Amino acid sequence: MSVDTILKYGKIILPYVRTGLAMQQEEAFKLLVDSINRIQQLSGRAIVPITNDTCPIGDLPDFDSANGLELTCELAEHLAVEIPLDENVLVSEVGNKSLTVGEVVVRLCALANKSED
């Protein structure tokens, strides 16, 4: 079992645990958007609507590659997967292209489902 997302009720944090089912794109999208919005809110930035076509690095107010690394660490923890510390899930593997939310969702599903094998 792995922790997928954290549901917050007041100051109590409850893990949401999958029971052996493959991570679905809808689940990954929600986790990604919730995590991005949390980072934006904690940084005092505006929260804007996010779609599959949104490119977090570039489309979101003041969201940069450093936030991408923070997001990568947070997602690795929630998904209970190992992602190298220097890898940013928001940037292509060759490191020269910012990914859209839809592309990141596919990547997260692959990572989460790989860890369940």
PDB file of N, CA and C in Angstrom:
ATOM      1  N   MET A   1       0.837  -1.182   0.000  1.00  0.00           N
ATOM      2  CA  MET A   1       0.000   0.000   0.000  1.00  0.00           C
ATOM      3  C   MET A   1       0.879   1.241   0.000  1.00  0.00           C
ATOM      4  N   SER A   2       0.387   2.278  -0.647  1.00  0.00           N
ATOM      5  CA  SER A   2       1.153   3.520  -0.661  1.00  0.00           C
ATOM      6  C   SER A   2       0.227   4.697  -0.374  1.00  0.00           C
ATOM      7  N   VAL A   3       0.814   5.729   0.132  1.00  0.00           N
ATOM      8  CA  VAL A   3       0.052   6.928   0.436  1.00  0.00           C
ATOM      9  C   VAL A   3      -0.044   7.753  -0.834  1.00  0.00           C
ATOM     10  N   ASP A   4      -1.261   8.102  -1.248  1.00  0.00           N
ATOM     11  CA  ASP A   4      -1.453   8.839  -2.490  1.00  0.00           C
ATOM     12  C   ASP A   4      -1.623  10.324  -2.275  1.00  0.00           C
ATOM     13  N   THR A   5      -2.370  10.641  -1.314  1.00  0.00           N
ATOM     14  CA  THR A   5      -2.666  12.048  -1.101  1.00  0.00           C
ATOM     15  C   THR A   5      -2.962  12.256   0.369  1.00  0.00           C
ATOM     16  N   ILE A   6      -2.935  13.446   0.774  1.00  0.00           N
ATOM     17  CA  ILE A   6      -3.225  13.766   2.163  1.00  0.00           C
ATOM     18  C   ILE A   6      -4.515  14.579   2.193  1.00  0.00           C
ATOM     19  N   LEU A   7      -5.447  14.121   2.976  1.00  0.00           N
ATOM     20  CA  LEU A   7      -6.700  14.843   3.150  1.00  0.00           C
ATOM     21  C   LEU A   7      -6.593  15.609   4.457  1.00  0.00           C
ATOM     22  N   LYS A   8      -6.907  16.873   4.417  1.00  0.00           N
ATOM     23  CA  LYS A   8      -6.762  17.689   5.612  1.00  0.00           C
ATOM     24  C   LYS A   8      -8.130  18.086   6.153  1.00  0.00           C
ATOM     25  N   TYR A   9      -8.308  17.883   7.419  1.00  0.00           N
ATOM     26  CA  TYR A   9      -9.516  18.288   8.116  1.00  0.00           C
ATOM     27  C   TYR A   9      -9.054  19.062   9.343  1.00  0.00           C
ATOM     28  N   GLY A  10      -9.113  20.382   9.255  1.00  0.00           N
ATOM     29  CA  GLY A  10      -8.571  21.194  10.327  1.00  0.00           C
ATOM     30  C   GLY A  10      -7.069  21.015  10.354  1.00  0.00           C
ATOM     31  N   LYS A  11      -6.534  20.618  11.491  1.00  0.00           N
ATOM     32  CA  LYS A  11      -5.094  20.409  11.607  1.00  0.00           C
ATOM     33  C   LYS A  11      -4.732  18.935  11.609  1.00  0.00           C
ATOM     34  N   ILE A  12      -5.720  18.078  11.394  1.00  0.00           N
ATOM     35  CA  ILE A  12      -5.472  16.648  11.362  1.00  0.00           C
ATOM     36  C   ILE A  12      -5.175  16.250   9.921  1.00  0.00           C
ATOM     37  N   ILE A  13      -4.104  15.508   9.723  1.00  0.00           N
ATOM     38  CA  ILE A  13      -3.731  15.053   8.384  1.00  0.00           C
ATOM     39  C   ILE A  13      -3.981  13.546   8.313  1.00  0.00           C
ATOM     40  N   LEU A  14      -4.819  13.153   7.365  1.00  0.00           N
ATOM     41  CA  LEU A  14      -5.158  11.748   7.201  1.00  0.00           C
ATOM     42  C   LEU A  14      -4.632  11.238   5.871  1.00  0.00           C
ATOM     43  N   PRO A  15      -3.876  10.147   5.868  1.00  0.00           N
ATOM     44  CA  PRO A  15      -3.409   9.600   4.589  1.00  0.00           C
ATOM     45  C   PRO A  15      -4.537   8.857   3.883  1.00  0.00           C
ATOM     46  N   TYR A  16      -4.557   8.956   2.572  1.00  0.00           N
ATOM     47  CA  TYR A  16      -5.485   8.203   1.753  1.00  0.00           C
ATOM     48  C   TYR A  16      -4.676   7.074   1.139  1.00  0.00           C
ATOM     49  N   VAL A  17      -5.020   5.834   1.427  1.00  0.00           N
ATOM     50  CA  VAL A  17      -4.201   4.702   1.025  1.00  0.00           C
ATOM     51  C   VAL A  17      -4.907   3.899  -0.062  1.00  0.00           C
ATOM     52  N   ARG A  18      -4.151   3.637  -1.141  1.00  0.00           N
ATOM     53  CA  ARG A  18      -4.663   2.763  -2.206  1.00  0.00           C
ATOM     54  C   ARG A  18      -4.491   1.331  -1.750  1.00  0.00           C
ATOM     55  N   THR A  19      -5.349   0.480  -2.231  1.00  0.00           N
ATOM     56  CA  THR A  19      -5.248  -0.931  -1.863  1.00  0.00           C
ATOM     57  C   THR A  19      -4.896  -1.775  -3.078  1.00  0.00           C
ATOM     58  N   GLY A  20      -3.700  -1.551  -3.638  1.00  0.00           N
ATOM     59  CA  GLY A  20      -3.219  -2.384  -4.713  1.00  0.00           C
ATOM     60  C   GLY A  20      -3.732  -2.044  -6.097  1.00  0.00           C
ATOM     61  N   LEU A  21      -4.570  -1.051  -6.230  1.00  0.00           N
ATOM     62  CA  LEU A  21      -5.069  -0.676  -7.547  1.00  0.00           C
ATOM     63  C   LEU A  21      -4.088   0.252  -8.227  1.00  0.00           C
ATOM     64  N   ALA A  22      -3.979   0.133  -9.537  1.00  0.00           N
ATOM     65  CA  ALA A  22      -3.094   1.011 -10.288  1.00  0.00           C
ATOM     66  C   ALA A  22      -3.580   2.450 -10.167  1.00  0.00           C
ATOM     67  N   MET A  23      -2.621   3.361 -10.064  1.00  0.00           N
ATOM     68  CA  MET A  23      -2.981   4.766  -9.974  1.00  0.00           C
ATOM     69  C   MET A  23      -3.614   5.208 -11.291  1.00  0.00           C
ATOM     70  N   GLN A  24      -4.742   5.839 -11.191  1.00  0.00           N
ATOM     71  CA  GLN A  24      -5.455   6.331 -12.361  1.00  0.00           C
ATOM     72  C   GLN A  24      -5.079   7.784 -12.612  1.00  0.00           C
ATOM     73  N   GLN A  25      -5.251   8.214 -13.859  1.00  0.00           N
ATOM     74  CA  GLN A  25      -4.876   9.577 -14.214  1.00  0.00           C
ATOM     75  C   GLN A  25      -5.694  10.614 -13.454  1.00  0.00           C
ATOM     76  N   GLU A  26      -6.952  10.340 -13.209  1.00  0.00           N
ATOM     77  CA  GLU A  26      -7.794  11.283 -12.469  1.00  0.00           C
ATOM     78  C   GLU A  26      -7.262  11.494 -11.048  1.00  0.00           C
ATOM     79  N   GLU A  27      -6.845  10.406 -10.427  1.00  0.00           N
ATOM     80  CA  GLU A  27      -6.281  10.448  -9.078  1.00  0.00           C
ATOM     81  C   GLU A  27      -4.957  11.224  -9.075  1.00  0.00           C
ATOM     82  N   ALA A  28      -4.121  10.972 -10.073  1.00  0.00           N
ATOM     83  CA  ALA A  28      -2.836  11.663 -10.180  1.00  0.00           C
ATOM     84  C   ALA A  28      -3.045  13.151 -10.457  1.00  0.00           C
ATOM     85  N   PHE A  29      -4.032  13.491 -11.284  1.00  0.00           N
ATOM     86  CA  PHE A  29      -4.328  14.891 -11.588  1.00  0.00           C
ATOM     87  C   PHE A  29      -4.714  15.630 -10.309  1.00  0.00           C
ATOM     88  N   LYS A  30      -5.598  15.024  -9.523  1.00  0.00           N
ATOM     89  CA  LYS A  30      -6.046  15.670  -8.275  1.00  0.00           C
ATOM     90  C   LYS A  30      -4.877  15.864  -7.311  1.00  0.00           C
ATOM     91  N   LEU A  31      -4.052  14.843  -7.155  1.00  0.00           N
ATOM     92  CA  LEU A  31      -2.891  14.944  -6.268  1.00  0.00           C
ATOM     93  C   LEU A  31      -1.952  16.051  -6.737  1.00  0.00           C
ATOM     94  N   LEU A  32      -1.681  16.104  -8.033  1.00  0.00           N
ATOM     95  CA  LEU A  32      -0.775  17.107  -8.589  1.00  0.00           C
ATOM     96  C   LEU A  32      -1.325  18.517  -8.398  1.00  0.00           C
ATOM     97  N   VAL A  33      -2.579  18.722  -8.739  1.00  0.00           N
ATOM     98  CA  VAL A  33      -3.184  20.053  -8.613  1.00  0.00           C
ATOM     99  C   VAL A  33      -3.242  20.485  -7.152  1.00  0.00           C
ATOM    100  N   ASP A  34      -3.632  19.575  -6.262  1.00  0.00           N
ATOM    101  CA  ASP A  34      -3.687  19.912  -4.830  1.00  0.00           C
ATOM    102  C   ASP A  34      -2.304  20.310  -4.314  1.00  0.00           C
ATOM    103  N   SER A  35      -1.275  19.587  -4.746  1.00  0.00           N
ATOM    104  CA  SER A  35       0.087  19.881  -4.306  1.00  0.00           C
ATOM    105  C   SER A  35       0.579  21.220  -4.854  1.00  0.00           C
ATOM    106  N   ILE A  36       0.301  21.486  -6.126  1.00  0.00           N
ATOM    107  CA  ILE A  36       0.692  22.770  -6.729  1.00  0.00           C
ATOM    108  C   ILE A  36      -0.005  23.919  -6.011  1.00  0.00           C
ATOM    109  N   ASN A  37      -1.304  23.765  -5.787  1.00  0.00           N
ATOM    110  CA  ASN A  37      -2.059  24.830  -5.116  1.00  0.00           C
ATOM    111  C   ASN A  37      -1.558  25.072  -3.696  1.00  0.00           C
ATOM    112  N   ARG A  38      -1.162  24.008  -3.009  1.00  0.00           N
ATOM    113  CA  ARG A  38      -0.635  24.157  -1.653  1.00  0.00           C
ATOM    114  C   ARG A  38       0.659  24.974  -1.686  1.00  0.00           C
ATOM    115  N   ILE A  39       1.542  24.666  -2.623  1.00  0.00           N
ATOM    116  CA  ILE A  39       2.801  25.397  -2.747  1.00  0.00           C
ATOM    117  C   ILE A  39       2.525  26.858  -3.079  1.00  0.00           C
ATOM    118  N   GLN A  40       1.603  27.104  -4.006  1.00  0.00           N
ATOM    119  CA  GLN A  40       1.266  28.478  -4.386  1.00  0.00           C
ATOM    120  C   GLN A  40       0.704  29.246  -3.186  1.00  0.00           C
ATOM    121  N   GLN A  41      -0.199  28.605  -2.452  1.00  0.00           N
ATOM    122  CA  GLN A  41      -0.823  29.260  -1.306  1.00  0.00           C
ATOM    123  C   GLN A  41       0.201  29.560  -0.214  1.00  0.00           C
ATOM    124  N   LEU A  42       1.064  28.586   0.107  1.00  0.00           N
ATOM    125  CA  LEU A  42       2.074  28.795   1.145  1.00  0.00           C
ATOM    126  C   LEU A  42       3.093  29.854   0.746  1.00  0.00           C
ATOM    127  N   SER A  43       3.251  30.060  -0.570  1.00  0.00           N
ATOM    128  CA  SER A  43       4.181  31.073  -1.064  1.00  0.00           C
ATOM    129  C   SER A  43       3.518  32.436  -1.203  1.00  0.00           C
ATOM    130  N   GLY A  44       2.225  32.514  -0.853  1.00  0.00           N
ATOM    131  CA  GLY A  44       1.503  33.780  -0.935  1.00  0.00           C
ATOM    132  C   GLY A  44       1.154  34.180  -2.360  1.00  0.00           C
ATOM    133  N   ARG A  45       1.051  33.202  -3.244  1.00  0.00           N
ATOM    134  CA  ARG A  45       0.738  33.482  -4.646  1.00  0.00           C
ATOM    135  C   ARG A  45      -0.712  33.145  -4.948  1.00  0.00           C
ATOM    136  N   ALA A  46      -1.186  33.729  -6.034  1.00  0.00           N
ATOM    137  CA  ALA A  46      -2.559  33.479  -6.466  1.00  0.00           C
ATOM    138  C   ALA A  46      -2.723  32.033  -6.918  1.00  0.00           C
ATOM    139  N   ILE A  47      -3.875  31.465  -6.598  1.00  0.00           N
ATOM    140  CA  ILE A  47      -4.227  30.135  -7.085  1.00  0.00           C
ATOM    141  C   ILE A  47      -5.110  30.339  -8.308  1.00  0.00           C
ATOM    142  N   VAL A  48      -4.667  29.778  -9.426  1.00  0.00           N
ATOM    143  CA  VAL A  48      -5.397  29.941 -10.686  1.00  0.00           C
ATOM    144  C   VAL A  48      -5.892  28.582 -11.150  1.00  0.00           C
ATOM    145  N   PRO A  49      -6.920  28.568 -11.999  1.00  0.00           N
ATOM    146  CA  PRO A  49      -7.415  27.283 -12.510  1.00  0.00           C
ATOM    147  C   PRO A  49      -6.303  26.525 -13.249  1.00  0.00           C
ATOM    148  N   ILE A  50      -6.268  25.222 -13.038  1.00  0.00           N
ATOM    149  CA  ILE A  50      -5.257  24.373 -13.660  1.00  0.00           C
ATOM    150  C   ILE A  50      -5.962  23.298 -14.480  1.00  0.00           C
ATOM    151  N   THR A  51      -5.528  23.127 -15.730  1.00  0.00           N
ATOM    152  CA  THR A  51      -6.054  22.090 -16.613  1.00  0.00           C
ATOM    153  C   THR A  51      -4.906  21.189 -17.062  1.00  0.00           C
ATOM    154  N   ASN A  52      -5.219  20.173 -17.833  1.00  0.00           N
ATOM    155  CA  ASN A  52      -4.179  19.294 -18.376  1.00  0.00           C
ATOM    156  C   ASN A  52      -3.201  20.046 -19.267  1.00  0.00           C
ATOM    157  N   ASP A  53      -3.642  21.151 -19.867  1.00  0.00           N
ATOM    158  CA  ASP A  53      -2.787  21.926 -20.764  1.00  0.00           C
ATOM    159  C   ASP A  53      -1.939  22.974 -20.056  1.00  0.00           C
ATOM    160  N   THR A  54      -2.165  23.158 -18.753  1.00  0.00           N
ATOM    161  CA  THR A  54      -1.392  24.129 -17.987  1.00  0.00           C
ATOM    162  C   THR A  54       0.049  23.651 -17.858  1.00  0.00           C
ATOM    163  N   CYS A  55       0.969  24.554 -18.094  1.00  0.00           N
ATOM    164  CA  CYS A  55       2.391  24.282 -17.902  1.00  0.00           C
ATOM    165  C   CYS A  55       2.787  25.026 -16.616  1.00  0.00           C
ATOM    166  N   PRO A  56       2.900  24.299 -15.475  1.00  0.00           N
ATOM    167  CA  PRO A  56       3.142  24.985 -14.203  1.00  0.00           C
ATOM    168  C   PRO A  56       4.309  25.969 -14.248  1.00  0.00           C
ATOM    169  N   ILE A  57       5.432  25.536 -14.833  1.00  0.00           N
ATOM    170  CA  ILE A  57       6.568  26.448 -14.964  1.00  0.00           C
ATOM    171  C   ILE A  57       6.316  27.292 -16.202  1.00  0.00           C
ATOM    172  N   GLY A  58       5.865  28.502 -15.978  1.00  0.00           N
ATOM    173  CA  GLY A  58       5.574  29.407 -17.089  1.00  0.00           C
ATOM    174  C   GLY A  58       4.150  29.937 -17.068  1.00  0.00           C
ATOM    175  N   ASP A  59       3.188  29.074 -16.711  1.00  0.00           N
ATOM    176  CA  ASP A  59       1.782  29.508 -16.716  1.00  0.00           C
ATOM    177  C   ASP A  59       1.293  29.971 -15.345  1.00  0.00           C
ATOM    178  N   LEU A  60       1.909  29.489 -14.279  1.00  0.00           N
ATOM    179  CA  LEU A  60       1.458  29.843 -12.934  1.00  0.00           C
ATOM    180  C   LEU A  60       2.280  31.009 -12.386  1.00  0.00           C
ATOM    181  N   PRO A  61       1.630  31.913 -11.677  1.00  0.00           N
ATOM    182  CA  PRO A  61       2.334  33.092 -11.158  1.00  0.00           C
ATOM    183  C   PRO A  61       3.553  32.731 -10.309  1.00  0.00           C
ATOM    184  N   ASP A  62       4.743  33.144 -10.776  1.00  0.00           N
ATOM    185  CA  ASP A  62       6.008  32.995 -10.048  1.00  0.00           C
ATOM    186  C   ASP A  62       6.383  31.552  -9.707  1.00  0.00           C
ATOM    187  N   PHE A  63       5.767  30.577 -10.336  1.00  0.00           N
ATOM    188  CA  PHE A  63       6.116  29.170 -10.097  1.00  0.00           C
ATOM    189  C   PHE A  63       7.328  28.852 -10.958  1.00  0.00           C
ATOM    190  N   ASP A  64       8.431  28.427 -10.307  1.00  0.00           N
ATOM    191  CA  ASP A  64       9.669  28.213 -11.054  1.00  0.00           C
ATOM    192  C   ASP A  64      10.220  26.804 -10.817  1.00  0.00           C
ATOM    193  N   SER A  65      11.406  26.540 -11.362  1.00  0.00           N
ATOM    194  CA  SER A  65      11.980  25.196 -11.266  1.00  0.00           C
ATOM    195  C   SER A  65      12.285  24.811  -9.818  1.00  0.00           C
ATOM    196  N   ALA A  66      12.598  25.765  -8.961  1.00  0.00           N
ATOM    197  CA  ALA A  66      12.808  25.454  -7.544  1.00  0.00           C
ATOM    198  C   ALA A  66      11.516  24.931  -6.918  1.00  0.00           C
ATOM    199  N   ASN A  67      10.385  25.528  -7.288  1.00  0.00           N
ATOM    200  CA  ASN A  67       9.101  25.017  -6.815  1.00  0.00           C
ATOM    201  C   ASN A  67       8.838  23.631  -7.391  1.00  0.00           C
ATOM    202  N   GLY A  68       9.320  23.404  -8.613  1.00  0.00           N
ATOM    203  CA  GLY A  68       9.179  22.086  -9.227  1.00  0.00           C
ATOM    204  C   GLY A  68       9.907  21.010  -8.448  1.00  0.00           C
ATOM    205  N   LEU A  69      11.091  21.333  -7.937  1.00  0.00           N
ATOM    206  CA  LEU A  69      11.833  20.376  -7.117  1.00  0.00           C
ATOM    207  C   LEU A  69      11.119  20.126  -5.787  1.00  0.00           C
ATOM    208  N   GLU A  70      10.571  21.198  -5.211  1.00  0.00           N
ATOM    209  CA  GLU A  70       9.784  21.062  -3.972  1.00  0.00           C
ATOM    210  C   GLU A  70       8.578  20.153  -4.224  1.00  0.00           C
ATOM    211  N   LEU A  71       7.918  20.371  -5.347  1.00  0.00           N
ATOM    212  CA  LEU A  71       6.762  19.565  -5.719  1.00  0.00           C
ATOM    213  C   LEU A  71       7.167  18.112  -5.929  1.00  0.00           C
ATOM    214  N   THR A  72       8.296  17.890  -6.584  1.00  0.00           N
ATOM    215  CA  THR A  72       8.783  16.534  -6.832  1.00  0.00           C
ATOM    216  C   THR A  72       9.000  15.786  -5.524  1.00  0.00           C
ATOM    217  N   CYS A  73       9.608  16.432  -4.556  1.00  0.00           N
ATOM    218  CA  CYS A  73       9.842  15.809  -3.241  1.00  0.00           C
ATOM    219  C   CYS A  73       8.526  15.479  -2.555  1.00  0.00           C
ATOM    220  N   GLU A  74       7.597  16.403  -2.611  1.00  0.00           N
ATOM    221  CA  GLU A  74       6.290  16.193  -1.980  1.00  0.00           C
ATOM    222  C   GLU A  74       5.552  15.023  -2.636  1.00  0.00           C
ATOM    223  N   LEU A  75       5.570  14.975  -3.964  1.00  0.00           N
ATOM    224  CA  LEU A  75       4.877  13.896  -4.673  1.00  0.00           C
ATOM    225  C   LEU A  75       5.529  12.545  -4.393  1.00  0.00           C
ATOM    226  N   ALA A  76       6.852  12.506  -4.346  1.00  0.00           N
ATOM    227  CA  ALA A  76       7.556  11.255  -4.053  1.00  0.00           C
ATOM    228  C   ALA A  76       7.148  10.730  -2.684  1.00  0.00           C
ATOM    229  N   GLU A  77       7.013  11.637  -1.728  1.00  0.00           N
ATOM    230  CA  GLU A  77       6.599  11.242  -0.382  1.00  0.00           C
ATOM    231  C   GLU A  77       5.164  10.718  -0.380  1.00  0.00           C
ATOM    232  N   HIS A  78       4.258  11.434  -1.039  1.00  0.00           N
ATOM    233  CA  HIS A  78       2.849  11.025  -1.068  1.00  0.00           C
ATOM    234  C   HIS A  78       2.660   9.705  -1.798  1.00  0.00           C
ATOM    235  N   LEU A  79       3.442   9.483  -2.848  1.00  0.00           N
ATOM    236  CA  LEU A  79       3.300   8.277  -3.648  1.00  0.00           C
ATOM    237  C   LEU A  79       4.150   7.121  -3.128  1.00  0.00           C
ATOM    238  N   ALA A  80       5.006   7.415  -2.149  1.00  0.00           N
ATOM    239  CA  ALA A  80       5.927   6.420  -1.596  1.00  0.00           C
ATOM    240  C   ALA A  80       6.782   5.799  -2.699  1.00  0.00           C
ATOM    241  N   VAL A  81       7.298   6.664  -3.576  1.00  0.00           N
ATOM    242  CA  VAL A  81       8.207   6.233  -4.640  1.00  0.00           C
ATOM    243  C   VAL A  81       9.505   7.006  -4.504  1.00  0.00           C
ATOM    244  N   GLU A  82      10.558   6.431  -5.063  1.00  0.00           N
ATOM    245  CA  GLU A  82      11.849   7.106  -5.021  1.00  0.00           C
ATOM    246  C   GLU A  82      12.062   7.871  -6.320  1.00  0.00           C
ATOM    247  N   ILE A  83      12.229   9.167  -6.199  1.00  0.00           N
ATOM    248  CA  ILE A  83      12.539  10.023  -7.333  1.00  0.00           C
ATOM    249  C   ILE A  83      13.872  10.681  -6.992  1.00  0.00           C
ATOM    250  N   PRO A  84      14.871  10.585  -7.881  1.00  0.00           N
ATOM    251  CA  PRO A  84      16.170  11.189  -7.580  1.00  0.00           C
ATOM    252  C   PRO A  84      16.026  12.661  -7.188  1.00  0.00           C
ATOM    253  N   LEU A  85      16.827  13.083  -6.200  1.00  0.00           N
ATOM    254  CA  LEU A  85      16.718  14.438  -5.668  1.00  0.00           C
ATOM    255  C   LEU A  85      16.924  15.523  -6.715  1.00  0.00           C
ATOM    256  N   ASP A  86      17.684  15.231  -7.753  1.00  0.00           N
ATOM    257  CA  ASP A  86      17.935  16.242  -8.776  1.00  0.00           C
ATOM    258  C   ASP A  86      16.942  16.182  -9.936  1.00  0.00           C
ATOM    259  N   GLU A  87      15.953  15.306  -9.836  1.00  0.00           N
ATOM    260  CA  GLU A  87      14.950  15.189 -10.898  1.00  0.00           C
ATOM    261  C   GLU A  87      13.744  16.058 -10.582  1.00  0.00           C
ATOM    262  N   ASN A  88      13.272  16.773 -11.573  1.00  0.00           N
ATOM    263  CA  ASN A  88      12.109  17.648 -11.451  1.00  0.00           C
ATOM    264  C   ASN A  88      11.023  17.059 -12.342  1.00  0.00           C
ATOM    265  N   VAL A  89       9.912  16.599 -11.751  1.00  0.00           N
ATOM    266  CA  VAL A  89       8.858  15.956 -12.545  1.00  0.00           C
ATOM    267  C   VAL A  89       8.184  16.913 -13.514  1.00  0.00           C
ATOM    268  N   LEU A  90       8.414  18.221 -13.355  1.00  0.00           N
ATOM    269  CA  LEU A  90       7.795  19.208 -14.238  1.00  0.00           C
ATOM    270  C   LEU A  90       8.636  19.523 -15.469  1.00  0.00           C
ATOM    271  N   VAL A  91       9.794  18.888 -15.576  1.00  0.00           N
ATOM    272  CA  VAL A  91      10.706  19.160 -16.685  1.00  0.00           C
ATOM    273  C   VAL A  91      10.989  17.848 -17.399  1.00  0.00           C
ATOM    274  N   SER A  92      11.100  17.904 -18.724  1.00  0.00           N
ATOM    275  CA  SER A  92      11.369  16.698 -19.500  1.00  0.00           C
ATOM    276  C   SER A  92      12.655  16.031 -19.033  1.00  0.00           C
ATOM    277  N   GLU A  93      12.790  14.757 -19.353  1.00  0.00           N
ATOM    278  CA  GLU A  93      13.948  13.991 -18.867  1.00  0.00           C
ATOM    279  C   GLU A  93      15.272  14.556 -19.363  1.00  0.00           C
ATOM    280  N   VAL A  94      15.270  15.188 -20.532  1.00  0.00           N
ATOM    281  CA  VAL A  94      16.504  15.819 -21.015  1.00  0.00           C
ATOM    282  C   VAL A  94      16.669  17.214 -20.430  1.00  0.00           C
ATOM    283  N   GLY A  95      15.652  17.666 -19.689  1.00  0.00           N
ATOM    284  CA  GLY A  95      15.761  18.901 -18.931  1.00  0.00           C
ATOM    285  C   GLY A  95      15.618  20.191 -19.699  1.00  0.00           C
ATOM    286  N   ASN A  96      15.111  20.130 -20.925  1.00  0.00           N
ATOM    287  CA  ASN A  96      15.029  21.370 -21.699  1.00  0.00           C
ATOM    288  C   ASN A  96      13.606  21.807 -22.025  1.00  0.00           C
ATOM    289  N   LYS A  97      12.597  21.097 -21.507  1.00  0.00           N
ATOM    290  CA  LYS A  97      11.212  21.447 -21.820  1.00  0.00           C
ATOM    291  C   LYS A  97      10.363  21.331 -20.562  1.00  0.00           C
ATOM    292  N   SER A  98       9.617  22.394 -20.281  1.00  0.00           N
ATOM    293  CA  SER A  98       8.659  22.343 -19.181  1.00  0.00           C
ATOM    294  C   SER A  98       7.457  21.518 -19.628  1.00  0.00           C
ATOM    295  N   LEU A  99       7.016  20.625 -18.769  1.00  0.00           N
ATOM    296  CA  LEU A  99       5.906  19.735 -19.110  1.00  0.00           C
ATOM    297  C   LEU A  99       4.566  20.325 -18.709  1.00  0.00           C
ATOM    298  N   THR A 100       3.525  19.897 -19.412  1.00  0.00           N
ATOM    299  CA  THR A 100       2.160  20.282 -19.052  1.00  0.00           C
ATOM    300  C   THR A 100       1.695  19.382 -17.904  1.00  0.00           C
ATOM    301  N   VAL A 101       0.623  19.774 -17.265  1.00  0.00           N
ATOM    302  CA  VAL A 101       0.049  18.966 -16.189  1.00  0.00           C
ATOM    303  C   VAL A 101      -0.312  17.582 -16.724  1.00  0.00           C
ATOM    304  N   GLY A 102      -0.889  17.515 -17.915  1.00  0.00           N
ATOM    305  CA  GLY A 102      -1.241  16.225 -18.507  1.00  0.00           C
ATOM    306  C   GLY A 102      -0.038  15.316 -18.686  1.00  0.00           C
ATOM    307  N   GLU A 103       1.092  15.882 -19.114  1.00  0.00           N
ATOM    308  CA  GLU A 103       2.322  15.098 -19.282  1.00  0.00           C
ATOM    309  C   GLU A 103       2.866  14.640 -17.932  1.00  0.00           C
ATOM    310  N   VAL A 104       2.767  15.491 -16.934  1.00  0.00           N
ATOM    311  CA  VAL A 104       3.233  15.135 -15.586  1.00  0.00           C
ATOM    312  C   VAL A 104       2.358  14.030 -15.005  1.00  0.00           C
ATOM    313  N   VAL A 105       1.058  14.088 -15.241  1.00  0.00           N
ATOM    314  CA  VAL A 105       0.134  13.062 -14.748  1.00  0.00           C
ATOM    315  C   VAL A 105       0.524  11.691 -15.299  1.00  0.00           C
ATOM    316  N   VAL A 106       0.824  11.617 -16.580  1.00  0.00           N
ATOM    317  CA  VAL A 106       1.247  10.350 -17.189  1.00  0.00           C
ATOM    318  C   VAL A 106       2.527   9.849 -16.519  1.00  0.00           C
ATOM    319  N   ARG A 107       3.442  10.761 -16.275  1.00  0.00           N
ATOM    320  CA  ARG A 107       4.710  10.418 -15.621  1.00  0.00           C
ATOM    321  C   ARG A 107       4.477   9.910 -14.195  1.00  0.00           C
ATOM    322  N   LEU A 108       3.589  10.582 -13.438  1.00  0.00           N
ATOM    323  CA  LEU A 108       3.291  10.162 -12.064  1.00  0.00           C
ATOM    324  C   LEU A 108       2.660   8.780 -12.034  1.00  0.00           C
ATOM    325  N   CYS A 109       1.734   8.526 -12.948  1.00  0.00           N
ATOM    326  CA  CYS A 109       1.084   7.209 -13.004  1.00  0.00           C
ATOM    327  C   CYS A 109       2.125   6.122 -13.279  1.00  0.00           C
ATOM    328  N   ALA A 110       3.040   6.390 -14.187  1.00  0.00           N
ATOM    329  CA  ALA A 110       4.084   5.414 -14.503  1.00  0.00           C
ATOM    330  C   ALA A 110       4.963   5.149 -13.277  1.00  0.00           C
ATOM    331  N   LEU A 111       5.344   6.205 -12.557  1.00  0.00           N
ATOM    332  CA  LEU A 111       6.162   6.044 -11.361  1.00  0.00           C
ATOM    333  C   LEU A 111       5.425   5.263 -10.269  1.00  0.00           C
ATOM    334  N   ALA A 112       4.172   5.640 -10.029  1.00  0.00           N
ATOM    335  CA  ALA A 112       3.392   5.002  -8.962  1.00  0.00           C
ATOM    336  C   ALA A 112       3.108   3.541  -9.290  1.00  0.00           C
ATOM    337  N   ASN A 113       2.760   3.274 -10.528  1.00  0.00           N
ATOM    338  CA  ASN A 113       2.426   1.904 -10.906  1.00  0.00           C
ATOM    339  C   ASN A 113       3.669   1.031 -10.983  1.00  0.00           C
ATOM    340  N   LYS A 114       4.795   1.611 -11.336  1.00  0.00           N
ATOM    341  CA  LYS A 114       6.065   0.877 -11.366  1.00  0.00           C
ATOM    342  C   LYS A 114       6.456   0.429  -9.957  1.00  0.00           C
ATOM    343  N   SER A 115       6.210   1.316  -8.973  1.00  0.00           N
ATOM    344  CA  SER A 115       6.594   1.006  -7.594  1.00  0.00           C
ATOM    345  C   SER A 115       5.714  -0.092  -7.003  1.00  0.00           C
ATOM    346  N   GLU A 116       4.538  -0.328  -7.576  1.00  0.00           N
ATOM    347  CA  GLU A 116       3.639  -1.359  -7.055  1.00  0.00           C
ATOM    348  C   GLU A 116       3.977  -2.739  -7.590  1.00  0.00           C
ATOM    349  N   ASP A 117       4.814  -2.788  -8.635  1.00  0.00           N
ATOM    350  CA  ASP A 117       5.177  -4.090  -9.234  1.00  0.00           C
ATOM    351  C   ASP A 117       6.162  -4.844  -8.386  1.00  0.00           C
TER     352      ASP A 117
END
